[in-house]
Amino acid sequence: MKFLKKAMKRYGRPDVIVTDKLRSYRAAMTVIGNEARQETGRWLNNRAENSHQPFRRREYAMAKFRKAKTLQVFASVHSSIYNHFNHDRHLTPRDIFKENRSATLDEWRQLAA
């Protein structure tokens, strides 16, 4: 709430605020004086919700671990392996992708042996 008030002071009042239909948003809009500028609709909030997906995925993965230390150990190992194998298939032609993938697997087999 403090962030929103600071943003409003800095940039002025927004023309429209797009939210989903949670009642708490309506209450917050009343507090800051923007209840008339809130828009709720079926697909209006897609941009905001999709921007949160990577965060939600990480949050969901974190919920499976009981201790933060276990999560940190897993994340450090997983990130190095994931970055090793993630080749952005949609950005490269198939033949180059296959060469990169086979080189990665060869390197992985050497490291694992």
C-alpha atoms as a PDB file:
ATOM      1  CA  MET A   1       0.000   0.000   0.000  1.00  0.00           C
ATOM      2  CA  LYS A   2       2.859   2.373   0.812  1.00  0.00           C
ATOM      3  CA  PHE A   3       4.416   1.639  -2.574  1.00  0.00           C
ATOM      4  CA  LEU A   4       1.191   2.557  -4.351  1.00  0.00           C
ATOM      5  CA  LYS A   5       0.884   5.837  -2.463  1.00  0.00           C
ATOM      6  CA  LYS A   6       4.505   6.744  -3.273  1.00  0.00           C
ATOM      7  CA  ALA A   7       3.944   5.904  -6.933  1.00  0.00           C
ATOM      8  CA  MET A   8       0.814   8.046  -7.029  1.00  0.00           C
ATOM      9  CA  LYS A   9       2.698  10.999  -5.512  1.00  0.00           C
ATOM     10  CA  ARG A  10       5.492  10.615  -8.040  1.00  0.00           C
ATOM     11  CA  TYR A  11       3.529   9.893 -11.233  1.00  0.00           C
ATOM     12  CA  GLY A  12       0.054  11.219 -10.456  1.00  0.00           C
ATOM     13  CA  ARG A  13      -3.223   9.336 -10.396  1.00  0.00           C
ATOM     14  CA  PRO A  14      -3.593   6.628 -13.045  1.00  0.00           C
ATOM     15  CA  ASP A  15      -6.402   6.813 -15.601  1.00  0.00           C
ATOM     16  CA  VAL A  16      -7.374   3.180 -15.041  1.00  0.00           C
ATOM     17  CA  ILE A  17      -6.291   0.427 -12.658  1.00  0.00           C
ATOM     18  CA  VAL A  18      -6.954  -3.087 -13.954  1.00  0.00           C
ATOM     19  CA  THR A  19      -7.461  -5.772 -11.287  1.00  0.00           C
ATOM     20  CA  ASP A  20      -9.318  -9.006 -10.889  1.00  0.00           C
ATOM     21  CA  LYS A  21     -12.561  -9.100  -8.922  1.00  0.00           C
ATOM     22  CA  LEU A  22     -11.203  -9.610  -5.414  1.00  0.00           C
ATOM     23  CA  ARG A  23     -13.027  -7.491  -2.837  1.00  0.00           C
ATOM     24  CA  SER A  24      -9.794  -6.511  -1.119  1.00  0.00           C
ATOM     25  CA  TYR A  25      -8.757  -4.547  -4.208  1.00  0.00           C
ATOM     26  CA  ARG A  26     -12.006  -2.592  -4.018  1.00  0.00           C
ATOM     27  CA  ALA A  27     -11.325  -1.760  -0.362  1.00  0.00           C
ATOM     28  CA  ALA A  28      -7.775  -0.635  -1.171  1.00  0.00           C
ATOM     29  CA  MET A  29      -9.052   1.537  -4.019  1.00  0.00           C
ATOM     30  CA  THR A  30     -11.474   3.191  -1.624  1.00  0.00           C
ATOM     31  CA  VAL A  31      -8.651   3.959   0.809  1.00  0.00           C
ATOM     32  CA  ILE A  32      -6.506   5.631  -1.849  1.00  0.00           C
ATOM     33  CA  GLY A  33      -9.472   7.299  -3.544  1.00  0.00           C
ATOM     34  CA  ASN A  34      -9.435   5.477  -6.892  1.00  0.00           C
ATOM     35  CA  GLU A  35     -12.534   3.292  -6.655  1.00  0.00           C
ATOM     36  CA  ALA A  36     -14.085   4.890  -9.753  1.00  0.00           C
ATOM     37  CA  ARG A  37     -10.995   4.138 -11.853  1.00  0.00           C
ATOM     38  CA  GLN A  38     -10.861   0.402 -11.198  1.00  0.00           C
ATOM     39  CA  GLU A  39     -11.697  -1.853 -14.151  1.00  0.00           C
ATOM     40  CA  THR A  40     -12.411  -5.541 -13.763  1.00  0.00           C
ATOM     41  CA  GLY A  41     -13.050  -7.796 -16.686  1.00  0.00           C
ATOM     42  CA  ARG A  42     -12.539 -11.323 -17.880  1.00  0.00           C
ATOM     43  CA  TRP A  43      -9.364 -10.776 -19.915  1.00  0.00           C
ATOM     44  CA  LEU A  44      -8.247  -7.325 -18.806  1.00  0.00           C
ATOM     45  CA  ASN A  45      -5.903  -8.636 -16.129  1.00  0.00           C
ATOM     46  CA  ASN A  46      -4.063 -11.184 -18.317  1.00  0.00           C
ATOM     47  CA  ARG A  47      -0.947  -9.068 -18.740  1.00  0.00           C
ATOM     48  CA  ALA A  48      -0.455  -8.636 -14.993  1.00  0.00           C
ATOM     49  CA  GLU A  49      -1.224 -12.267 -14.195  1.00  0.00           C
ATOM     50  CA  ASN A  50       1.134 -13.622 -16.860  1.00  0.00           C
ATOM     51  CA  SER A  51       3.967 -11.452 -15.600  1.00  0.00           C
ATOM     52  CA  HIS A  52       3.690 -13.241 -12.231  1.00  0.00           C
ATOM     53  CA  GLN A  53       3.924 -16.779 -13.649  1.00  0.00           C
ATOM     54  CA  PRO A  54       7.693 -17.293 -13.244  1.00  0.00           C
ATOM     55  CA  PHE A  55       7.428 -16.090  -9.651  1.00  0.00           C
ATOM     56  CA  ARG A  56       4.483 -18.420  -9.003  1.00  0.00           C
ATOM     57  CA  ARG A  57       6.435 -21.356 -10.457  1.00  0.00           C
ATOM     58  CA  ARG A  58       9.360 -20.663  -8.121  1.00  0.00           C
ATOM     59  CA  GLU A  59       6.993 -20.190  -5.190  1.00  0.00           C
ATOM     60  CA  TYR A  60       5.312 -23.543  -5.926  1.00  0.00           C
ATOM     61  CA  ALA A  61       8.672 -25.315  -6.107  1.00  0.00           C
ATOM     62  CA  MET A  62       9.759 -23.748  -2.822  1.00  0.00           C
ATOM     63  CA  ALA A  63       6.653 -24.999  -1.035  1.00  0.00           C
ATOM     64  CA  LYS A  64       7.807 -28.599  -1.490  1.00  0.00           C
ATOM     65  CA  PHE A  65      10.907 -28.097   0.680  1.00  0.00           C
ATOM     66  CA  ARG A  66      10.670 -28.134   4.445  1.00  0.00           C
ATOM     67  CA  LYS A  67      13.862 -26.208   5.125  1.00  0.00           C
ATOM     68  CA  ALA A  68      15.307 -23.221   3.311  1.00  0.00           C
ATOM     69  CA  LYS A  69      18.801 -24.764   3.433  1.00  0.00           C
ATOM     70  CA  THR A  70      17.612 -27.826   1.492  1.00  0.00           C
ATOM     71  CA  LEU A  71      16.050 -25.559  -1.093  1.00  0.00           C
ATOM     72  CA  GLN A  72      19.276 -23.571  -1.466  1.00  0.00           C
ATOM     73  CA  VAL A  73      21.349 -26.712  -2.003  1.00  0.00           C
ATOM     74  CA  PHE A  74      18.901 -28.048  -4.567  1.00  0.00           C
ATOM     75  CA  ALA A  75      18.595 -24.721  -6.376  1.00  0.00           C
ATOM     76  CA  SER A  76      22.352 -24.252  -6.687  1.00  0.00           C
ATOM     77  CA  VAL A  77      22.833 -27.711  -8.209  1.00  0.00           C
ATOM     78  CA  HIS A  78      19.690 -27.539 -10.326  1.00  0.00           C
ATOM     79  CA  SER A  79      20.493 -24.128 -11.792  1.00  0.00           C
ATOM     80  CA  SER A  80      23.917 -25.213 -13.020  1.00  0.00           C
ATOM     81  CA  ILE A  81      22.497 -28.352 -14.625  1.00  0.00           C
ATOM     82  CA  TYR A  82      19.452 -26.579 -16.058  1.00  0.00           C
ATOM     83  CA  ASN A  83      21.574 -23.817 -17.586  1.00  0.00           C
ATOM     84  CA  HIS A  84      23.824 -26.466 -19.074  1.00  0.00           C
ATOM     85  CA  PHE A  85      20.951 -28.188 -20.897  1.00  0.00           C
ATOM     86  CA  ASN A  86      18.653 -25.260 -21.663  1.00  0.00           C
ATOM     87  CA  HIS A  87      19.440 -24.268 -25.266  1.00  0.00           C
ATOM     88  CA  ASP A  88      16.492 -22.049 -26.243  1.00  0.00           C
ATOM     89  CA  ARG A  89      15.194 -24.317 -28.993  1.00  0.00           C
ATOM     90  CA  HIS A  90      12.909 -21.634 -30.393  1.00  0.00           C
ATOM     91  CA  LEU A  91      15.891 -19.377 -31.213  1.00  0.00           C
ATOM     92  CA  THR A  92      18.091 -21.785 -33.168  1.00  0.00           C
ATOM     93  CA  PRO A  93      17.631 -23.949 -36.282  1.00  0.00           C
ATOM     94  CA  ARG A  94      17.167 -27.676 -35.707  1.00  0.00           C
ATOM     95  CA  ASP A  95      20.564 -28.814 -36.993  1.00  0.00           C
ATOM     96  CA  ILE A  96      22.465 -26.360 -34.779  1.00  0.00           C
ATOM     97  CA  PHE A  97      20.242 -27.265 -31.824  1.00  0.00           C
ATOM     98  CA  LYS A  98      21.015 -30.970 -32.303  1.00  0.00           C
ATOM     99  CA  GLU A  99      24.772 -30.253 -32.478  1.00  0.00           C
ATOM    100  CA  ASN A 100      24.613 -28.179 -29.288  1.00  0.00           C
ATOM    101  CA  ARG A 101      22.558 -30.836 -27.523  1.00  0.00           C
ATOM    102  CA  SER A 102      24.924 -33.658 -28.467  1.00  0.00           C
ATOM    103  CA  ALA A 103      27.947 -31.581 -27.383  1.00  0.00           C
ATOM    104  CA  THR A 104      26.231 -30.887 -24.066  1.00  0.00           C
ATOM    105  CA  LEU A 105      25.455 -34.575 -23.532  1.00  0.00           C
ATOM    106  CA  ASP A 106      29.059 -35.524 -24.318  1.00  0.00           C
ATOM    107  CA  GLU A 107      30.315 -32.970 -21.810  1.00  0.00           C
ATOM    108  CA  TRP A 108      27.770 -34.169 -19.224  1.00  0.00           C
ATOM    109  CA  ARG A 109      28.866 -37.781 -19.664  1.00  0.00           C
ATOM    110  CA  GLN A 110      32.497 -36.742 -19.101  1.00  0.00           C
ATOM    111  CA  LEU A 111      31.569 -34.820 -15.954  1.00  0.00           C
ATOM    112  CA  ALA A 112      29.400 -37.651 -14.599  1.00  0.00           C
ATOM    113  CA  ALA A 113      32.019 -40.362 -15.259  1.00  0.00           C
END
